[in-house]
Amino acid sequence: MNDFQTSWTHNELKAYMLLYAAHADFEITSEEKDYIKSRVGIEKFTHIRREFEQDNDYQRIQKIQSTIERFDYSDAEISKLFHSMNNLFLADGEMDIKEINIIRGFRRLLKGNL
């Protein structure tokens, strides 16, 4: 059994990925929280954030990868996720090197799906 399988919806995956991305600099700003809430809703944000905070980095990556594989996203859907991440990073006015590296990491992670 895969301990990293989720029953997330598309919106829950988006919330989790955006939380992961926002956490790149180990601080989730109020602007980033507001952006995520605007994309997925307050209830999904609250629910997924609880799970996110209980997971370690390895578990987070495995859950994201497993869920993306389950959804079998198209190139267009993956592009939308990257667009949302870029907007999230710019929500606080700047994109730092840690955030750029998160984008690079997700590109490598999703390479098989691109």
PDB file of N, CA and C in Angstrom:
ATOM      1  N   MET A   1       0.840  -1.188   0.000  1.00  0.00           N
ATOM      2  CA  MET A   1       0.000   0.000   0.000  1.00  0.00           C
ATOM      3  C   MET A   1       0.876   1.239   0.000  1.00  0.00           C
ATOM      4  N   ASN A   2       0.497   2.231  -0.791  1.00  0.00           N
ATOM      5  CA  ASN A   2       1.235   3.480  -0.883  1.00  0.00           C
ATOM      6  C   ASN A   2       0.726   4.448   0.184  1.00  0.00           C
ATOM      7  N   ASP A   3       1.550   4.730   1.164  1.00  0.00           N
ATOM      8  CA  ASP A   3       1.154   5.639   2.245  1.00  0.00           C
ATOM      9  C   ASP A   3       0.980   7.069   1.765  1.00  0.00           C
ATOM     10  N   PHE A   4       1.376   7.342   0.543  1.00  0.00           N
ATOM     11  CA  PHE A   4       1.335   8.713   0.050  1.00  0.00           C
ATOM     12  C   PHE A   4       0.159   8.974  -0.879  1.00  0.00           C
ATOM     13  N   GLN A   5      -0.690   7.974  -1.078  1.00  0.00           N
ATOM     14  CA  GLN A   5      -1.878   8.186  -1.893  1.00  0.00           C
ATOM     15  C   GLN A   5      -2.830   9.093  -1.135  1.00  0.00           C
ATOM     16  N   THR A   6      -3.464   9.959  -1.884  1.00  0.00           N
ATOM     17  CA  THR A   6      -4.428  10.880  -1.286  1.00  0.00           C
ATOM     18  C   THR A   6      -5.786  10.675  -1.942  1.00  0.00           C
ATOM     19  N   SER A   7      -6.776  11.236  -1.327  1.00  0.00           N
ATOM     20  CA  SER A   7      -8.107  11.268  -1.936  1.00  0.00           C
ATOM     21  C   SER A   7      -8.467  12.715  -2.262  1.00  0.00           C
ATOM     22  N   TRP A   8      -7.449  13.532  -2.443  1.00  0.00           N
ATOM     23  CA  TRP A   8      -7.655  14.954  -2.714  1.00  0.00           C
ATOM     24  C   TRP A   8      -8.402  15.182  -4.018  1.00  0.00           C
ATOM     25  N   THR A   9      -9.114  16.297  -4.029  1.00  0.00           N
ATOM     26  CA  THR A   9      -9.706  16.812  -5.259  1.00  0.00           C
ATOM     27  C   THR A   9      -8.639  17.638  -5.973  1.00  0.00           C
ATOM     28  N   HIS A  10      -8.962  18.085  -7.170  1.00  0.00           N
ATOM     29  CA  HIS A  10      -8.029  18.954  -7.900  1.00  0.00           C
ATOM     30  C   HIS A  10      -7.735  20.230  -7.102  1.00  0.00           C
ATOM     31  N   ASN A  11      -8.761  20.793  -6.492  1.00  0.00           N
ATOM     32  CA  ASN A  11      -8.585  22.023  -5.696  1.00  0.00           C
ATOM     33  C   ASN A  11      -7.716  21.774  -4.463  1.00  0.00           C
ATOM     34  N   GLU A  12      -7.870  20.623  -3.848  1.00  0.00           N
ATOM     35  CA  GLU A  12      -7.055  20.307  -2.678  1.00  0.00           C
ATOM     36  C   GLU A  12      -5.588  20.122  -3.067  1.00  0.00           C
ATOM     37  N   LEU A  13      -5.351  19.497  -4.225  1.00  0.00           N
ATOM     38  CA  LEU A  13      -3.973  19.384  -4.707  1.00  0.00           C
ATOM     39  C   LEU A  13      -3.399  20.769  -4.966  1.00  0.00           C
ATOM     40  N   LYS A  14      -4.182  21.624  -5.605  1.00  0.00           N
ATOM     41  CA  LYS A  14      -3.717  22.980  -5.879  1.00  0.00           C
ATOM     42  C   LYS A  14      -3.379  23.696  -4.574  1.00  0.00           C
ATOM     43  N   ALA A  15      -4.244  23.566  -3.567  1.00  0.00           N
ATOM     44  CA  ALA A  15      -4.002  24.207  -2.270  1.00  0.00           C
ATOM     45  C   ALA A  15      -2.708  23.685  -1.652  1.00  0.00           C
ATOM     46  N   TYR A  16      -2.501  22.383  -1.690  1.00  0.00           N
ATOM     47  CA  TYR A  16      -1.314  21.772  -1.098  1.00  0.00           C
ATOM     48  C   TYR A  16      -0.056  22.221  -1.829  1.00  0.00           C
ATOM     49  N   MET A  17      -0.108  22.226  -3.165  1.00  0.00           N
ATOM     50  CA  MET A  17       1.051  22.663  -3.943  1.00  0.00           C
ATOM     51  C   MET A  17       1.362  24.136  -3.699  1.00  0.00           C
ATOM     52  N   LEU A  18       0.334  24.946  -3.613  1.00  0.00           N
ATOM     53  CA  LEU A  18       0.564  26.370  -3.367  1.00  0.00           C
ATOM     54  C   LEU A  18       1.110  26.595  -1.960  1.00  0.00           C
ATOM     55  N   LEU A  19       0.627  25.838  -0.993  1.00  0.00           N
ATOM     56  CA  LEU A  19       1.199  25.920   0.352  1.00  0.00           C
ATOM     57  C   LEU A  19       2.665  25.500   0.340  1.00  0.00           C
ATOM     58  N   TYR A  20       2.958  24.439  -0.381  1.00  0.00           N
ATOM     59  CA  TYR A  20       4.341  23.978  -0.482  1.00  0.00           C
ATOM     60  C   TYR A  20       5.216  25.064  -1.100  1.00  0.00           C
ATOM     61  N   ALA A  21       4.723  25.651  -2.156  1.00  0.00           N
ATOM     62  CA  ALA A  21       5.468  26.709  -2.833  1.00  0.00           C
ATOM     63  C   ALA A  21       5.641  27.927  -1.926  1.00  0.00           C
ATOM     64  N   ALA A  22       4.565  28.329  -1.249  1.00  0.00           N
ATOM     65  CA  ALA A  22       4.632  29.494  -0.359  1.00  0.00           C
ATOM     66  C   ALA A  22       5.598  29.255   0.790  1.00  0.00           C
ATOM     67  N   HIS A  23       5.750  28.003   1.168  1.00  0.00           N
ATOM     68  CA  HIS A  23       6.612  27.646   2.293  1.00  0.00           C
ATOM     69  C   HIS A  23       8.083  27.569   1.884  1.00  0.00           C
ATOM     70  N   ALA A  24       8.392  27.869   0.639  1.00  0.00           N
ATOM     71  CA  ALA A  24       9.759  27.753   0.112  1.00  0.00           C
ATOM     72  C   ALA A  24      10.765  28.541   0.942  1.00  0.00           C
ATOM     73  N   ASP A  25      10.353  29.700   1.412  1.00  0.00           N
ATOM     74  CA  ASP A  25      11.254  30.518   2.220  1.00  0.00           C
ATOM     75  C   ASP A  25      10.965  30.359   3.711  1.00  0.00           C
ATOM     76  N   PHE A  26      10.253  29.298   4.057  1.00  0.00           N
ATOM     77  CA  PHE A  26       9.909  28.923   5.436  1.00  0.00           C
ATOM     78  C   PHE A  26       9.008  29.941   6.129  1.00  0.00           C
ATOM     79  N   GLU A  27       8.371  30.784   5.342  1.00  0.00           N
ATOM     80  CA  GLU A  27       7.431  31.764   5.889  1.00  0.00           C
ATOM     81  C   GLU A  27       6.308  31.956   4.879  1.00  0.00           C
ATOM     82  N   ILE A  28       5.093  31.736   5.318  1.00  0.00           N
ATOM     83  CA  ILE A  28       3.941  31.959   4.453  1.00  0.00           C
ATOM     84  C   ILE A  28       3.360  33.315   4.845  1.00  0.00           C
ATOM     85  N   THR A  29       3.486  34.279   3.939  1.00  0.00           N
ATOM     86  CA  THR A  29       3.037  35.636   4.233  1.00  0.00           C
ATOM     87  C   THR A  29       1.515  35.727   4.180  1.00  0.00           C
ATOM     88  N   SER A  30       0.980  36.782   4.742  1.00  0.00           N
ATOM     89  CA  SER A  30      -0.472  36.973   4.706  1.00  0.00           C
ATOM     90  C   SER A  30      -0.949  37.159   3.270  1.00  0.00           C
ATOM     91  N   GLU A  31      -0.119  37.783   2.423  1.00  0.00           N
ATOM     92  CA  GLU A  31      -0.482  37.940   1.013  1.00  0.00           C
ATOM     93  C   GLU A  31      -0.565  36.587   0.321  1.00  0.00           C
ATOM     94  N   GLU A  32       0.375  35.710   0.645  1.00  0.00           N
ATOM     95  CA  GLU A  32       0.360  34.374   0.051  1.00  0.00           C
ATOM     96  C   GLU A  32      -0.849  33.580   0.542  1.00  0.00           C
ATOM     97  N   LYS A  33      -1.150  33.670   1.834  1.00  0.00           N
ATOM     98  CA  LYS A  33      -2.343  32.992   2.361  1.00  0.00           C
ATOM     99  C   LYS A  33      -3.595  33.492   1.661  1.00  0.00           C
ATOM    100  N   ASP A  34      -3.697  34.818   1.526  1.00  0.00           N
ATOM    101  CA  ASP A  34      -4.868  35.402   0.870  1.00  0.00           C
ATOM    102  C   ASP A  34      -4.994  34.929  -0.572  1.00  0.00           C
ATOM    103  N   TYR A  35      -3.851  34.844  -1.263  1.00  0.00           N
ATOM    104  CA  TYR A  35      -3.875  34.372  -2.653  1.00  0.00           C
ATOM    105  C   TYR A  35      -4.375  32.928  -2.714  1.00  0.00           C
ATOM    106  N   ILE A  36      -3.850  32.069  -1.862  1.00  0.00           N
ATOM    107  CA  ILE A  36      -4.262  30.663  -1.872  1.00  0.00           C
ATOM    108  C   ILE A  36      -5.751  30.542  -1.554  1.00  0.00           C
ATOM    109  N   LYS A  37      -6.196  31.267  -0.558  1.00  0.00           N
ATOM    110  CA  LYS A  37      -7.624  31.240  -0.211  1.00  0.00           C
ATOM    111  C   LYS A  37      -8.484  31.698  -1.377  1.00  0.00           C
ATOM    112  N   SER A  38      -8.016  32.700  -2.123  1.00  0.00           N
ATOM    113  CA  SER A  38      -8.791  33.199  -3.266  1.00  0.00           C
ATOM    114  C   SER A  38      -8.867  32.168  -4.392  1.00  0.00           C
ATOM    115  N   ARG A  39      -7.895  31.274  -4.463  1.00  0.00           N
ATOM    116  CA  ARG A  39      -7.857  30.258  -5.509  1.00  0.00           C
ATOM    117  C   ARG A  39      -8.645  29.006  -5.147  1.00  0.00           C
ATOM    118  N   VAL A  40      -8.686  28.652  -3.844  1.00  0.00           N
ATOM    119  CA  VAL A  40      -9.287  27.364  -3.464  1.00  0.00           C
ATOM    120  C   VAL A  40     -10.402  27.479  -2.430  1.00  0.00           C
ATOM    121  N   GLY A  41     -10.583  28.626  -1.836  1.00  0.00           N
ATOM    122  CA  GLY A  41     -11.598  28.811  -0.808  1.00  0.00           C
ATOM    123  C   GLY A  41     -11.025  28.618   0.592  1.00  0.00           C
ATOM    124  N   ILE A  42     -11.663  29.246   1.552  1.00  0.00           N
ATOM    125  CA  ILE A  42     -11.171  29.235   2.935  1.00  0.00           C
ATOM    126  C   ILE A  42     -11.249  27.846   3.550  1.00  0.00           C
ATOM    127  N   GLU A  43     -12.342  27.131   3.311  1.00  0.00           N
ATOM    128  CA  GLU A  43     -12.493  25.796   3.916  1.00  0.00           C
ATOM    129  C   GLU A  43     -11.440  24.822   3.420  1.00  0.00           C
ATOM    130  N   LYS A  44     -11.214  24.778   2.100  1.00  0.00           N
ATOM    131  CA  LYS A  44     -10.181  23.877   1.545  1.00  0.00           C
ATOM    132  C   LYS A  44      -8.801  24.289   2.060  1.00  0.00           C
ATOM    133  N   PHE A  45      -8.546  25.599   2.103  1.00  0.00           N
ATOM    134  CA  PHE A  45      -7.265  26.084   2.596  1.00  0.00           C
ATOM    135  C   PHE A  45      -7.024  25.612   4.024  1.00  0.00           C
ATOM    136  N   THR A  46      -8.004  25.794   4.883  1.00  0.00           N
ATOM    137  CA  THR A  46      -7.876  25.419   6.292  1.00  0.00           C
ATOM    138  C   THR A  46      -7.666  23.916   6.440  1.00  0.00           C
ATOM    139  N   HIS A  47      -8.461  23.137   5.721  1.00  0.00           N
ATOM    140  CA  HIS A  47      -8.370  21.675   5.785  1.00  0.00           C
ATOM    141  C   HIS A  47      -6.994  21.189   5.309  1.00  0.00           C
ATOM    142  N   ILE A  48      -6.564  21.662   4.173  1.00  0.00           N
ATOM    143  CA  ILE A  48      -5.297  21.207   3.594  1.00  0.00           C
ATOM    144  C   ILE A  48      -4.117  21.736   4.395  1.00  0.00           C
ATOM    145  N   ARG A  49      -4.233  22.927   4.935  1.00  0.00           N
ATOM    146  CA  ARG A  49      -3.120  23.471   5.716  1.00  0.00           C
ATOM    147  C   ARG A  49      -2.845  22.605   6.953  1.00  0.00           C
ATOM    148  N   ARG A  50      -3.889  22.100   7.582  1.00  0.00           N
ATOM    149  CA  ARG A  50      -3.697  21.212   8.738  1.00  0.00           C
ATOM    150  C   ARG A  50      -2.883  19.979   8.348  1.00  0.00           C
ATOM    151  N   GLU A  51      -3.248  19.380   7.218  1.00  0.00           N
ATOM    152  CA  GLU A  51      -2.516  18.207   6.745  1.00  0.00           C
ATOM    153  C   GLU A  51      -1.078  18.585   6.376  1.00  0.00           C
ATOM    154  N   PHE A  52      -0.925  19.685   5.680  1.00  0.00           N
ATOM    155  CA  PHE A  52       0.398  20.151   5.262  1.00  0.00           C
ATOM    156  C   PHE A  52       1.333  20.327   6.458  1.00  0.00           C
ATOM    157  N   GLU A  53       0.826  20.908   7.520  1.00  0.00           N
ATOM    158  CA  GLU A  53       1.643  21.176   8.707  1.00  0.00           C
ATOM    159  C   GLU A  53       2.055  19.903   9.435  1.00  0.00           C
ATOM    160  N   GLN A  54       1.320  18.826   9.251  1.00  0.00           N
ATOM    161  CA  GLN A  54       1.657  17.553   9.894  1.00  0.00           C
ATOM    162  C   GLN A  54       2.668  16.738   9.088  1.00  0.00           C
ATOM    163  N   ASP A  55       2.829  17.072   7.806  1.00  0.00           N
ATOM    164  CA  ASP A  55       3.727  16.316   6.932  1.00  0.00           C
ATOM    165  C   ASP A  55       5.134  16.905   6.951  1.00  0.00           C
ATOM    166  N   ASN A  56       6.127  16.032   6.714  1.00  0.00           N
ATOM    167  CA  ASN A  56       7.487  16.535   6.525  1.00  0.00           C
ATOM    168  C   ASN A  56       7.705  16.750   5.027  1.00  0.00           C
ATOM    169  N   ASP A  57       8.860  17.280   4.661  1.00  0.00           N
ATOM    170  CA  ASP A  57       9.112  17.628   3.266  1.00  0.00           C
ATOM    171  C   ASP A  57       9.028  16.415   2.340  1.00  0.00           C
ATOM    172  N   TYR A  58       9.584  15.296   2.769  1.00  0.00           N
ATOM    173  CA  TYR A  58       9.542  14.079   1.953  1.00  0.00           C
ATOM    174  C   TYR A  58       8.094  13.652   1.693  1.00  0.00           C
ATOM    175  N   GLN A  59       7.280  13.636   2.739  1.00  0.00           N
ATOM    176  CA  GLN A  59       5.878  13.250   2.596  1.00  0.00           C
ATOM    177  C   GLN A  59       5.146  14.204   1.661  1.00  0.00           C
ATOM    178  N   ARG A  60       5.456  15.487   1.767  1.00  0.00           N
ATOM    179  CA  ARG A  60       4.804  16.488   0.917  1.00  0.00           C
ATOM    180  C   ARG A  60       5.080  16.217  -0.556  1.00  0.00           C
ATOM    181  N   ILE A  61       6.335  16.011  -0.892  1.00  0.00           N
ATOM    182  CA  ILE A  61       6.705  15.755  -2.287  1.00  0.00           C
ATOM    183  C   ILE A  61       6.059  14.461  -2.786  1.00  0.00           C
ATOM    184  N   GLN A  62       6.089  13.414  -1.969  1.00  0.00           N
ATOM    185  CA  GLN A  62       5.509  12.131  -2.379  1.00  0.00           C
ATOM    186  C   GLN A  62       4.007  12.261  -2.606  1.00  0.00           C
ATOM    187  N   LYS A  63       3.316  12.977  -1.739  1.00  0.00           N
ATOM    188  CA  LYS A  63       1.870  13.164  -1.900  1.00  0.00           C
ATOM    189  C   LYS A  63       1.560  13.950  -3.164  1.00  0.00           C
ATOM    190  N   ILE A  64       2.321  14.997  -3.419  1.00  0.00           N
ATOM    191  CA  ILE A  64       2.095  15.799  -4.618  1.00  0.00           C
ATOM    192  C   ILE A  64       2.317  14.941  -5.859  1.00  0.00           C
ATOM    193  N   GLN A  65       3.427  14.241  -5.894  1.00  0.00           N
ATOM    194  CA  GLN A  65       3.753  13.419  -7.056  1.00  0.00           C
ATOM    195  C   GLN A  65       2.704  12.324  -7.271  1.00  0.00           C
ATOM    196  N   SER A  66       2.322  11.643  -6.219  1.00  0.00           N
ATOM    197  CA  SER A  66       1.337  10.571  -6.310  1.00  0.00           C
ATOM    198  C   SER A  66       0.000  11.094  -6.818  1.00  0.00           C
ATOM    199  N   THR A  67      -0.409  12.233  -6.337  1.00  0.00           N
ATOM    200  CA  THR A  67      -1.713  12.782  -6.721  1.00  0.00           C
ATOM    201  C   THR A  67      -1.697  13.269  -8.164  1.00  0.00           C
ATOM    202  N   ILE A  68      -0.604  13.880  -8.576  1.00  0.00           N
ATOM    203  CA  ILE A  68      -0.499  14.329  -9.968  1.00  0.00           C
ATOM    204  C   ILE A  68      -0.546  13.128 -10.902  1.00  0.00           C
ATOM    205  N   GLU A  69       0.133  12.061 -10.539  1.00  0.00           N
ATOM    206  CA  GLU A  69       0.089  10.847 -11.365  1.00  0.00           C
ATOM    207  C   GLU A  69      -1.329  10.286 -11.435  1.00  0.00           C
ATOM    208  N   ARG A  70      -2.030  10.338 -10.318  1.00  0.00           N
ATOM    209  CA  ARG A  70      -3.414   9.823 -10.292  1.00  0.00           C
ATOM    210  C   ARG A  70      -4.316  10.640 -11.210  1.00  0.00           C
ATOM    211  N   PHE A  71      -4.119  11.957 -11.238  1.00  0.00           N
ATOM    212  CA  PHE A  71      -4.964  12.822 -12.066  1.00  0.00           C
ATOM    213  C   PHE A  71      -4.566  12.785 -13.542  1.00  0.00           C
ATOM    214  N   ASP A  72      -3.330  12.366 -13.838  1.00  0.00           N
ATOM    215  CA  ASP A  72      -2.856  12.307 -15.217  1.00  0.00           C
ATOM    216  C   ASP A  72      -3.107  13.645 -15.923  1.00  0.00           C
ATOM    217  N   TYR A  73      -2.569  14.694 -15.351  1.00  0.00           N
ATOM    218  CA  TYR A  73      -2.762  16.054 -15.875  1.00  0.00           C
ATOM    219  C   TYR A  73      -2.236  16.216 -17.290  1.00  0.00           C
ATOM    220  N   SER A  74      -2.952  17.020 -18.043  1.00  0.00           N
ATOM    221  CA  SER A  74      -2.498  17.384 -19.387  1.00  0.00           C
ATOM    222  C   SER A  74      -1.446  18.489 -19.265  1.00  0.00           C
ATOM    223  N   ASP A  75      -0.757  18.777 -20.362  1.00  0.00           N
ATOM    224  CA  ASP A  75       0.226  19.861 -20.374  1.00  0.00           C
ATOM    225  C   ASP A  75      -0.424  21.186 -19.984  1.00  0.00           C
ATOM    226  N   ALA A  76      -1.639  21.417 -20.476  1.00  0.00           N
ATOM    227  CA  ALA A  76      -2.340  22.671 -20.187  1.00  0.00           C
ATOM    228  C   ALA A  76      -2.670  22.787 -18.699  1.00  0.00           C
ATOM    229  N   GLU A  77      -3.079  21.691 -18.085  1.00  0.00           N
ATOM    230  CA  GLU A  77      -3.401  21.720 -16.657  1.00  0.00           C
ATOM    231  C   GLU A  77      -2.146  21.960 -15.816  1.00  0.00           C
ATOM    232  N   ILE A  78      -1.046  21.358 -16.211  1.00  0.00           N
ATOM    233  CA  ILE A  78       0.209  21.575 -15.491  1.00  0.00           C
ATOM    234  C   ILE A  78       0.659  23.024 -15.658  1.00  0.00           C
ATOM    235  N   SER A  79       0.490  23.569 -16.850  1.00  0.00           N
ATOM    236  CA  SER A  79       0.834  24.978 -17.084  1.00  0.00           C
ATOM    237  C   SER A  79       0.017  25.903 -16.190  1.00  0.00           C
ATOM    238  N   LYS A  80      -1.257  25.571 -15.986  1.00  0.00           N
ATOM    239  CA  LYS A  80      -2.099  26.376 -15.092  1.00  0.00           C
ATOM    240  C   LYS A  80      -1.572  26.334 -13.660  1.00  0.00           C
ATOM    241  N   LEU A  81      -1.112  25.159 -13.226  1.00  0.00           N
ATOM    242  CA  LEU A  81      -0.537  25.054 -11.876  1.00  0.00           C
ATOM    243  C   LEU A  81       0.701  25.937 -11.742  1.00  0.00           C
ATOM    244  N   PHE A  82       1.558  25.917 -12.756  1.00  0.00           N
ATOM    245  CA  PHE A  82       2.754  26.761 -12.719  1.00  0.00           C
ATOM    246  C   PHE A  82       2.389  28.244 -12.743  1.00  0.00           C
ATOM    247  N   HIS A  83       1.365  28.590 -13.508  1.00  0.00           N
ATOM    248  CA  HIS A  83       0.904  29.984 -13.552  1.00  0.00           C
ATOM    249  C   HIS A  83       0.419  30.421 -12.163  1.00  0.00           C
ATOM    250  N   SER A  84      -0.330  29.557 -11.496  1.00  0.00           N
ATOM    251  CA  SER A  84      -0.798  29.871 -10.139  1.00  0.00           C
ATOM    252  C   SER A  84       0.376  30.036  -9.178  1.00  0.00           C
ATOM    253  N   MET A  85       1.403  29.186  -9.325  1.00  0.00           N
ATOM    254  CA  MET A  85       2.586  29.301  -8.457  1.00  0.00           C
ATOM    255  C   MET A  85       3.315  30.615  -8.707  1.00  0.00           C
ATOM    256  N   ASN A  86       3.471  30.975  -9.969  1.00  0.00           N
ATOM    257  CA  ASN A  86       4.126  32.253 -10.275  1.00  0.00           C
ATOM    258  C   ASN A  86       3.365  33.419  -9.660  1.00  0.00           C
ATOM    259  N   ASN A  87       2.041  33.409  -9.794  1.00  0.00           N
ATOM    260  CA  ASN A  87       1.229  34.476  -9.204  1.00  0.00           C
ATOM    261  C   ASN A  87       1.359  34.495  -7.688  1.00  0.00           C
ATOM    262  N   LEU A  88       1.418  33.315  -7.087  1.00  0.00           N
ATOM    263  CA  LEU A  88       1.592  33.224  -5.636  1.00  0.00           C
ATOM    264  C   LEU A  88       2.905  33.875  -5.228  1.00  0.00           C
ATOM    265  N   PHE A  89       3.978  33.543  -5.928  1.00  0.00           N
ATOM    266  CA  PHE A  89       5.291  34.083  -5.583  1.00  0.00           C
ATOM    267  C   PHE A  89       5.327  35.601  -5.725  1.00  0.00           C
ATOM    268  N   LEU A  90       4.546  36.124  -6.630  1.00  0.00           N
ATOM    269  CA  LEU A  90       4.523  37.570  -6.827  1.00  0.00           C
ATOM    270  C   LEU A  90       3.524  38.270  -5.908  1.00  0.00           C
ATOM    271  N   ALA A  91       2.749  37.497  -5.137  1.00  0.00           N
ATOM    272  CA  ALA A  91       1.730  38.080  -4.243  1.00  0.00           C
ATOM    273  C   ALA A  91       2.342  38.981  -3.190  1.00  0.00           C
ATOM    274  N   ASP A  92       3.563  38.671  -2.760  1.00  0.00           N
ATOM    275  CA  ASP A  92       4.206  39.515  -1.755  1.00  0.00           C
ATOM    276  C   ASP A  92       5.177  40.511  -2.390  1.00  0.00           C
ATOM    277  N   GLY A  93       5.108  40.646  -3.718  1.00  0.00           N
ATOM    278  CA  GLY A  93       5.863  41.677  -4.406  1.00  0.00           C
ATOM    279  C   GLY A  93       7.187  41.260  -5.001  1.00  0.00           C
ATOM    280  N   GLU A  94       7.669  40.057  -4.685  1.00  0.00           N
ATOM    281  CA  GLU A  94       8.955  39.637  -5.232  1.00  0.00           C
ATOM    282  C   GLU A  94       9.047  38.125  -5.295  1.00  0.00           C
ATOM    283  N   MET A  95       9.929  37.660  -6.167  1.00  0.00           N
ATOM    284  CA  MET A  95      10.203  36.237  -6.253  1.00  0.00           C
ATOM    285  C   MET A  95      11.684  36.058  -5.916  1.00  0.00           C
ATOM    286  N   ASP A  96      11.943  35.373  -4.802  1.00  0.00           N
ATOM    287  CA  ASP A  96      13.341  35.199  -4.393  1.00  0.00           C
ATOM    288  C   ASP A  96      13.902  33.891  -4.945  1.00  0.00           C
ATOM    289  N   ILE A  97      15.169  33.662  -4.704  1.00  0.00           N
ATOM    290  CA  ILE A  97      15.877  32.498  -5.253  1.00  0.00           C
ATOM    291  C   ILE A  97      15.280  31.175  -4.758  1.00  0.00           C
ATOM    292  N   LYS A  98      14.806  31.141  -3.515  1.00  0.00           N
ATOM    293  CA  LYS A  98      14.195  29.910  -2.998  1.00  0.00           C
ATOM    294  C   LYS A  98      12.927  29.576  -3.774  1.00  0.00           C
ATOM    295  N   GLU A  99      12.163  30.606  -4.076  1.00  0.00           N
ATOM    296  CA  GLU A  99      10.922  30.389  -4.819  1.00  0.00           C
ATOM    297  C   GLU A  99      11.215  29.964  -6.258  1.00  0.00           C
ATOM    298  N   ILE A 100      12.233  30.548  -6.853  1.00  0.00           N
ATOM    299  CA  ILE A 100      12.640  30.150  -8.201  1.00  0.00           C
ATOM    300  C   ILE A 100      13.071  28.682  -8.193  1.00  0.00           C
ATOM    301  N   ASN A 101      13.777  28.279  -7.150  1.00  0.00           N
ATOM    302  CA  ASN A 101      14.218  26.882  -7.048  1.00  0.00           C
ATOM    303  C   ASN A 101      13.047  25.924  -6.863  1.00  0.00           C
ATOM    304  N   ILE A 102      12.007  26.365  -6.185  1.00  0.00           N
ATOM    305  CA  ILE A 102      10.802  25.527  -6.043  1.00  0.00           C
ATOM    306  C   ILE A 102      10.189  25.275  -7.421  1.00  0.00           C
ATOM    307  N   ILE A 103      10.101  26.327  -8.232  1.00  0.00           N
ATOM    308  CA  ILE A 103       9.577  26.172  -9.596  1.00  0.00           C
ATOM    309  C   ILE A 103      10.424  25.160 -10.366  1.00  0.00           C
ATOM    310  N   ARG A 104      11.732  25.301 -10.276  1.00  0.00           N
ATOM    311  CA  ARG A 104      12.635  24.359 -10.971  1.00  0.00           C
ATOM    312  C   ARG A 104      12.413  22.930 -10.467  1.00  0.00           C
ATOM    313  N   GLY A 105      12.282  22.778  -9.159  1.00  0.00           N
ATOM    314  CA  GLY A 105      12.053  21.451  -8.582  1.00  0.00           C
ATOM    315  C   GLY A 105      10.756  20.837  -9.063  1.00  0.00           C
ATOM    316  N   PHE A 106       9.690  21.635  -9.107  1.00  0.00           N
ATOM    317  CA  PHE A 106       8.413  21.122  -9.603  1.00  0.00           C
ATOM    318  C   PHE A 106       8.513  20.757 -11.077  1.00  0.00           C
ATOM    319  N   ARG A 107       9.254  21.527 -11.850  1.00  0.00           N
ATOM    320  CA  ARG A 107       9.420  21.197 -13.271  1.00  0.00           C
ATOM    321  C   ARG A 107      10.091  19.827 -13.419  1.00  0.00           C
ATOM    322  N   ARG A 108      11.114  19.562 -12.605  1.00  0.00           N
ATOM    323  CA  ARG A 108      11.777  18.266 -12.657  1.00  0.00           C
ATOM    324  C   ARG A 108      10.829  17.156 -12.191  1.00  0.00           C
ATOM    325  N   LEU A 109      10.101  17.443 -11.114  1.00  0.00           N
ATOM    326  CA  LEU A 109       9.171  16.463 -10.558  1.00  0.00           C
ATOM    327  C   LEU A 109       8.098  16.092 -11.587  1.00  0.00           C
ATOM    328  N   LEU A 110       7.637  17.088 -12.316  1.00  0.00           N
ATOM    329  CA  LEU A 110       6.542  16.885 -13.263  1.00  0.00           C
ATOM    330  C   LEU A 110       7.028  16.550 -14.663  1.00  0.00           C
ATOM    331  N   LYS A 111       8.331  16.448 -14.845  1.00  0.00           N
ATOM    332  CA  LYS A 111       8.900  16.238 -16.172  1.00  0.00           C
ATOM    333  C   LYS A 111       8.234  15.075 -16.901  1.00  0.00           C
ATOM    334  N   GLY A 112       7.958  14.023 -16.204  1.00  0.00           N
ATOM    335  CA  GLY A 112       7.300  12.870 -16.832  1.00  0.00           C
ATOM    336  C   GLY A 112       5.892  13.169 -17.289  1.00  0.00           C
ATOM    337  N   ASN A 113       5.303  14.243 -16.737  1.00  0.00           N
ATOM    338  CA  ASN A 113       3.929  14.593 -17.088  1.00  0.00           C
ATOM    339  C   ASN A 113       3.890  15.731 -18.105  1.00  0.00           C
ATOM    340  N   LEU A 114       5.037  16.354 -18.406  1.00  0.00           N
ATOM    341  CA  LEU A 114       5.042  17.484 -19.335  1.00  0.00           C
ATOM    342  C   LEU A 114       5.105  17.031 -20.774  1.00  0.00           C
TER     343      LEU A 114
END
